[in-house]
């Protein structure tokens, strides 16, 4: 149950971290997608900014900043 997971979080989290570290993101996503488990990678900023979905929706824009120039 959620209550049991919360109560034993200090034991569960390190175990899960060790298990998850054993595969790459893509190695986890393939079987999760195949099992129809809702999931998605958590991207670093550079990956998020260059993601095809981000680019196709034109979600990145340049603007002029008075101190930093074009950002």
Protein backbone atom coordinates (compact mmCIF):
# COMPACT_ATOMS: atom_id res chain seq x y z
CA UNK A 1 0.00 0.00 0.00
CA UNK A 2 1.01 3.62 -0.28
CA UNK A 3 1.26 3.84 3.51
CA UNK A 4 3.60 0.83 3.64
CA UNK A 5 5.79 2.25 0.87
CA UNK A 6 5.97 5.59 2.67
CA UNK A 7 6.76 3.94 6.00
CA UNK A 8 9.60 1.90 4.45
CA UNK A 9 10.84 4.59 2.06
CA UNK A 10 14.33 4.63 3.61
CA UNK A 11 14.75 0.97 2.64
CA UNK A 12 12.85 0.94 -0.67
CA UNK A 13 14.41 3.99 -2.33
CA UNK A 14 18.05 2.79 -2.15
CA UNK A 15 17.00 -0.63 -3.46
CA UNK A 16 15.16 0.92 -6.40
CA UNK A 17 18.03 3.30 -7.16
CA UNK A 18 20.42 0.35 -7.37
CA UNK A 19 18.06 -1.58 -9.65
CA UNK A 20 17.39 1.42 -11.94
CA UNK A 21 21.11 2.18 -12.25
CA UNK A 22 21.60 -1.23 -13.86
CA UNK A 23 20.02 -0.17 -17.19
CA UNK A 24 19.94 2.89 -19.41
CA UNK A 25 16.80 4.97 -19.79
CA UNK A 26 16.12 3.41 -23.20
CA UNK A 27 16.57 -0.09 -21.75
CA UNK A 28 13.86 0.70 -19.19
CA UNK A 29 11.50 2.46 -21.59
CA UNK A 30 11.26 -0.31 -24.19
CA UNK A 31 9.71 -2.95 -21.88
CA UNK A 32 7.61 -0.36 -20.04
CA UNK A 33 6.11 0.91 -23.32
CA UNK A 34 5.59 -2.69 -24.47
CA UNK A 35 3.63 -3.38 -21.28
CA UNK A 36 1.54 -0.20 -21.82
CA UNK A 37 2.88 1.31 -18.59
CA UNK A 38 2.66 5.12 -18.75
CA UNK A 39 6.19 6.47 -18.55
CA UNK A 40 8.58 8.98 -20.06
CA UNK A 41 12.19 9.97 -19.59
CA UNK A 42 13.10 12.95 -17.46
CA UNK A 43 15.26 15.02 -19.77
CA UNK A 44 18.26 17.17 -18.99
CA UNK A 45 17.77 20.73 -20.23
CA UNK A 46 19.75 20.23 -23.45
CA UNK A 47 17.73 17.12 -24.35
CA UNK A 48 14.44 18.85 -23.57
CA UNK A 49 15.33 21.83 -25.76
CA UNK A 50 16.27 19.63 -28.72
CA UNK A 51 13.47 17.07 -28.37
CA UNK A 52 11.54 16.64 -31.64
CA UNK A 53 8.25 17.43 -29.89
CA UNK A 54 9.67 20.65 -28.44
CA UNK A 55 11.02 21.67 -31.82
CA UNK A 56 7.84 20.82 -33.74
CA UNK A 57 5.74 22.91 -31.35
CA UNK A 58 8.26 25.77 -31.59
CA UNK A 59 8.52 25.97 -27.81
CA UNK A 60 12.02 27.47 -27.81
CA UNK A 61 12.31 31.15 -28.65
CA UNK A 62 15.13 33.65 -28.66
CA UNK A 63 14.75 37.03 -27.05
CA UNK A 64 16.98 40.02 -26.40
CA UNK A 65 18.08 40.57 -22.82
CA UNK A 66 19.52 43.98 -21.86
CA UNK A 67 22.40 42.44 -19.89
CA UNK A 68 23.01 39.07 -21.57
CA UNK A 69 22.18 39.83 -25.20
CA UNK A 70 20.35 37.18 -27.18
CA UNK A 71 19.12 34.34 -25.00
